[in-house]
Every structure is written in structure tokens, then in C-alpha cells.
N, C-alpha and C. Protein backbone atom coordinates (compact mmCIF):
# COMPACT_ATOMS: atom_id res chain seq x y z
N MET A 1 16.03 1.97 -3.41
CA MET A 1 15.34 1.25 -2.36
C MET A 1 14.70 0.01 -2.98
N GLY A 2 14.87 -1.12 -2.32
CA GLY A 2 14.34 -2.37 -2.84
C GLY A 2 12.89 -2.59 -2.47
N ALA A 3 12.25 -3.53 -3.16
CA ALA A 3 10.84 -3.81 -2.95
C ALA A 3 10.55 -4.25 -1.52
N ASP A 4 11.45 -5.03 -0.91
CA ASP A 4 11.22 -5.49 0.47
C ASP A 4 11.16 -4.33 1.45
N GLU A 5 12.06 -3.38 1.28
CA GLU A 5 12.07 -2.20 2.15
C GLU A 5 10.82 -1.35 1.92
N ILE A 6 10.40 -1.26 0.67
CA ILE A 6 9.19 -0.50 0.36
C ILE A 6 7.98 -1.17 1.00
N VAL A 7 7.91 -2.51 0.94
CA VAL A 7 6.80 -3.23 1.57
C VAL A 7 6.71 -2.89 3.06
N GLN A 8 7.85 -2.84 3.73
CA GLN A 8 7.84 -2.52 5.16
C GLN A 8 7.30 -1.12 5.42
N LYS A 9 7.67 -0.17 4.57
CA LYS A 9 7.16 1.20 4.72
C LYS A 9 5.66 1.25 4.44
N LEU A 10 5.21 0.49 3.44
CA LEU A 10 3.78 0.44 3.12
C LEU A 10 2.99 -0.18 4.27
N LYS A 11 3.51 -1.25 4.86
CA LYS A 11 2.85 -1.89 6.00
C LYS A 11 2.73 -0.91 7.16
N GLN A 12 3.79 -0.18 7.43
CA GLN A 12 3.77 0.79 8.52
C GLN A 12 2.72 1.86 8.28
N GLN A 13 2.63 2.31 7.04
CA GLN A 13 1.65 3.35 6.73
C GLN A 13 0.23 2.83 6.86
N LEU A 14 -0.02 1.60 6.41
CA LEU A 14 -1.35 1.02 6.58
C LEU A 14 -1.72 0.89 8.05
N ALA A 15 -0.75 0.50 8.86
CA ALA A 15 -0.99 0.39 10.29
C ALA A 15 -1.36 1.76 10.87
N GLU A 16 -0.66 2.79 10.46
CA GLU A 16 -0.96 4.14 10.94
C GLU A 16 -2.34 4.60 10.48
N LEU A 17 -2.68 4.31 9.23
CA LEU A 17 -3.99 4.71 8.70
C LEU A 17 -5.13 3.99 9.41
N SER A 18 -4.87 2.80 9.91
CA SER A 18 -5.91 2.00 10.56
C SER A 18 -6.23 2.48 11.97
N GLU A 19 -5.45 3.41 12.48
CA GLU A 19 -5.64 3.98 13.82
C GLU A 19 -5.72 2.88 14.88
N GLY A 20 -4.76 1.96 14.83
CA GLY A 20 -4.65 0.92 15.84
C GLY A 20 -5.37 -0.38 15.54
N LYS A 21 -6.09 -0.45 14.44
CA LYS A 21 -6.82 -1.68 14.10
C LYS A 21 -5.91 -2.73 13.49
N LEU A 22 -4.83 -2.30 12.87
CA LEU A 22 -3.87 -3.22 12.24
C LEU A 22 -2.49 -3.02 12.85
N GLU A 23 -1.75 -4.10 12.92
CA GLU A 23 -0.33 -4.02 13.29
C GLU A 23 0.47 -4.32 12.04
N ALA A 24 1.53 -3.56 11.81
CA ALA A 24 2.32 -3.71 10.60
C ALA A 24 2.77 -5.16 10.41
N GLY A 25 3.19 -5.82 11.48
CA GLY A 25 3.68 -7.19 11.39
C GLY A 25 2.61 -8.20 11.02
N ALA A 26 1.36 -7.86 11.21
CA ALA A 26 0.25 -8.78 10.91
C ALA A 26 -0.28 -8.62 9.49
N ILE A 27 0.22 -7.65 8.76
CA ILE A 27 -0.26 -7.40 7.40
C ILE A 27 0.45 -8.33 6.43
N ASP A 28 -0.32 -9.06 5.64
CA ASP A 28 0.20 -9.99 4.63
C ASP A 28 0.45 -9.20 3.35
N ALA A 29 1.70 -9.11 2.94
CA ALA A 29 2.06 -8.33 1.74
C ALA A 29 1.46 -8.93 0.47
N LYS A 30 1.04 -10.20 0.52
CA LYS A 30 0.44 -10.84 -0.64
C LYS A 30 -1.09 -10.85 -0.57
N GLY A 31 -1.63 -10.30 0.53
CA GLY A 31 -3.07 -10.26 0.71
C GLY A 31 -3.71 -9.11 -0.07
N HIS A 32 -4.86 -9.38 -0.64
CA HIS A 32 -5.60 -8.37 -1.40
C HIS A 32 -6.00 -7.24 -0.45
N LEU A 33 -5.65 -6.03 -0.79
CA LEU A 33 -5.85 -4.89 0.10
C LEU A 33 -7.30 -4.71 0.54
N PHE A 34 -8.24 -4.86 -0.38
CA PHE A 34 -9.65 -4.66 -0.04
C PHE A 34 -10.26 -5.94 0.55
N ASP A 35 -9.95 -7.09 -0.03
CA ASP A 35 -10.51 -8.35 0.47
C ASP A 35 -10.08 -8.65 1.89
N TYR A 36 -8.84 -8.31 2.25
CA TYR A 36 -8.33 -8.56 3.60
C TYR A 36 -8.73 -7.44 4.56
N GLY A 37 -9.36 -6.40 4.06
CA GLY A 37 -9.80 -5.30 4.91
C GLY A 37 -8.71 -4.34 5.32
N TYR A 38 -7.60 -4.34 4.59
CA TYR A 38 -6.50 -3.43 4.91
C TYR A 38 -6.83 -1.99 4.58
N VAL A 39 -7.67 -1.80 3.57
CA VAL A 39 -8.10 -0.45 3.19
C VAL A 39 -9.60 -0.47 2.87
N ASP A 40 -10.21 0.68 3.02
CA ASP A 40 -11.56 0.91 2.52
C ASP A 40 -11.45 2.08 1.55
N SER A 41 -12.55 2.56 1.06
CA SER A 41 -12.48 3.60 0.02
C SER A 41 -11.77 4.86 0.51
N LEU A 42 -12.02 5.29 1.73
CA LEU A 42 -11.39 6.50 2.25
C LEU A 42 -9.90 6.28 2.54
N SER A 43 -9.57 5.21 3.22
CA SER A 43 -8.16 4.97 3.54
C SER A 43 -7.35 4.68 2.28
N ALA A 44 -8.00 4.11 1.25
CA ALA A 44 -7.29 3.86 -0.01
C ALA A 44 -6.84 5.17 -0.65
N VAL A 45 -7.71 6.16 -0.63
CA VAL A 45 -7.36 7.47 -1.20
C VAL A 45 -6.21 8.10 -0.41
N MET A 46 -6.28 7.99 0.90
CA MET A 46 -5.22 8.54 1.74
C MET A 46 -3.91 7.78 1.52
N PHE A 47 -4.00 6.47 1.36
CA PHE A 47 -2.83 5.63 1.12
C PHE A 47 -2.17 6.00 -0.20
N LEU A 48 -2.98 6.18 -1.25
CA LEU A 48 -2.43 6.55 -2.56
C LEU A 48 -1.77 7.93 -2.52
N ALA A 49 -2.37 8.85 -1.80
CA ALA A 49 -1.78 10.19 -1.67
C ALA A 49 -0.44 10.10 -0.94
N TRP A 50 -0.37 9.27 0.10
CA TRP A 50 0.89 9.08 0.83
C TRP A 50 1.96 8.46 -0.06
N ILE A 51 1.57 7.48 -0.87
CA ILE A 51 2.53 6.85 -1.79
C ILE A 51 3.11 7.88 -2.75
N GLU A 52 2.23 8.71 -3.32
CA GLU A 52 2.71 9.72 -4.27
C GLU A 52 3.63 10.73 -3.58
N GLU A 53 3.26 11.14 -2.38
CA GLU A 53 4.08 12.11 -1.64
C GLU A 53 5.42 11.50 -1.22
N SER A 54 5.40 10.26 -0.78
CA SER A 54 6.60 9.61 -0.24
C SER A 54 7.55 9.09 -1.30
N PHE A 55 6.99 8.56 -2.39
CA PHE A 55 7.82 7.91 -3.41
C PHE A 55 7.79 8.61 -4.76
N GLY A 56 6.92 9.60 -4.93
CA GLY A 56 6.83 10.30 -6.21
C GLY A 56 6.23 9.44 -7.30
N VAL A 57 5.45 8.44 -6.92
CA VAL A 57 4.83 7.54 -7.90
C VAL A 57 3.32 7.67 -7.78
N HIS A 58 2.67 8.01 -8.89
CA HIS A 58 1.22 8.16 -8.91
C HIS A 58 0.59 6.82 -9.31
N ILE A 59 -0.38 6.39 -8.53
CA ILE A 59 -1.15 5.19 -8.85
C ILE A 59 -2.62 5.62 -8.93
N GLU A 60 -3.26 5.30 -10.03
CA GLU A 60 -4.67 5.63 -10.20
C GLU A 60 -5.53 4.82 -9.23
N ASP A 61 -6.65 5.40 -8.82
CA ASP A 61 -7.56 4.70 -7.91
C ASP A 61 -7.97 3.34 -8.48
N LEU A 62 -8.34 3.31 -9.74
CA LEU A 62 -8.79 2.08 -10.38
C LEU A 62 -7.69 1.02 -10.41
N ASP A 63 -6.45 1.46 -10.56
CA ASP A 63 -5.33 0.50 -10.57
C ASP A 63 -5.18 -0.20 -9.22
N LEU A 64 -5.55 0.47 -8.14
CA LEU A 64 -5.47 -0.16 -6.83
C LEU A 64 -6.49 -1.30 -6.71
N ILE A 65 -7.56 -1.19 -7.44
CA ILE A 65 -8.61 -2.21 -7.41
C ILE A 65 -8.33 -3.33 -8.41
N GLU A 66 -7.76 -2.98 -9.56
CA GLU A 66 -7.60 -3.96 -10.63
C GLU A 66 -6.19 -4.46 -10.86
N LYS A 67 -5.19 -3.64 -10.61
CA LYS A 67 -3.82 -3.97 -11.02
C LYS A 67 -2.86 -4.17 -9.85
N TYR A 68 -2.82 -3.23 -8.95
CA TYR A 68 -1.90 -3.26 -7.81
C TYR A 68 -2.71 -3.56 -6.55
N THR A 69 -3.14 -4.80 -6.42
CA THR A 69 -4.08 -5.17 -5.36
C THR A 69 -3.40 -5.66 -4.08
N THR A 70 -2.09 -5.82 -4.11
CA THR A 70 -1.35 -6.26 -2.92
C THR A 70 -0.19 -5.30 -2.65
N LEU A 71 0.33 -5.35 -1.45
CA LEU A 71 1.49 -4.51 -1.14
C LEU A 71 2.70 -4.94 -1.96
N ASP A 72 2.84 -6.24 -2.21
CA ASP A 72 3.95 -6.71 -3.05
C ASP A 72 3.89 -6.08 -4.44
N ALA A 73 2.70 -6.05 -5.03
CA ALA A 73 2.54 -5.48 -6.37
C ALA A 73 2.83 -3.98 -6.36
N ILE A 74 2.34 -3.29 -5.35
CA ILE A 74 2.59 -1.85 -5.24
C ILE A 74 4.09 -1.59 -5.08
N ALA A 75 4.74 -2.35 -4.21
CA ALA A 75 6.18 -2.17 -3.95
C ALA A 75 7.00 -2.42 -5.21
N ARG A 76 6.66 -3.45 -5.97
CA ARG A 76 7.38 -3.73 -7.23
C ARG A 76 7.20 -2.57 -8.20
N HIS A 77 5.98 -2.05 -8.28
CA HIS A 77 5.71 -0.92 -9.17
C HIS A 77 6.51 0.31 -8.75
N ILE A 78 6.54 0.59 -7.47
CA ILE A 78 7.31 1.75 -6.97
C ILE A 78 8.80 1.55 -7.27
N ALA A 79 9.31 0.36 -6.98
CA ALA A 79 10.74 0.07 -7.20
C ALA A 79 11.10 0.22 -8.68
N GLU A 80 10.23 -0.25 -9.56
CA GLU A 80 10.49 -0.16 -10.99
C GLU A 80 10.35 1.26 -11.52
N SER A 81 9.54 2.07 -10.85
CA SER A 81 9.30 3.43 -11.31
C SER A 81 10.35 4.42 -10.81
N ALA A 82 11.10 4.01 -9.81
CA ALA A 82 12.09 4.92 -9.19
C ALA A 82 13.31 5.09 -10.05
């Protein structure tokens, strides 16, 4: 699975986690997850658990804040880890 396809799946999941506050098409894959308000501390934990369950890739909480701060970065990491 390519990074672009992974980004689409990540956007869809963020939209679902937001309970109607976000639309998948409105999410900027290059936008900082916390700065753009795509996740908060609780939804971030749920998002990371979903990533691990869906793709078999574990991302540390701290890495979401410091290293994989955008959906593009997360998707590249998942694609490279697969």
C-alpha cells in the first residue's frame, strides 16, 4: 500500500474520531496534527491504537508530538515499515 492510500485511510479515521467535527476532505495531510486541532491528547491515543491495529506499526506517543507530526509523515513511516 502506498503512502497516498495510507493518507486517505488516516484522514478517514481522523474524521471518524472527530465525531463529525472534521471532514476527511478538509484535513491537510501536511498540517501539524496538534496545531491544526486534528487530534487532542485523548484522540491521539485512540488514533495511535488504530494505526497499530490497522497497519501493525507501533508509534510512540512522544513520536507523534516530535517526529511524526503530520499525516504525510505518519503515512511514509507506515509505508516504509510494511
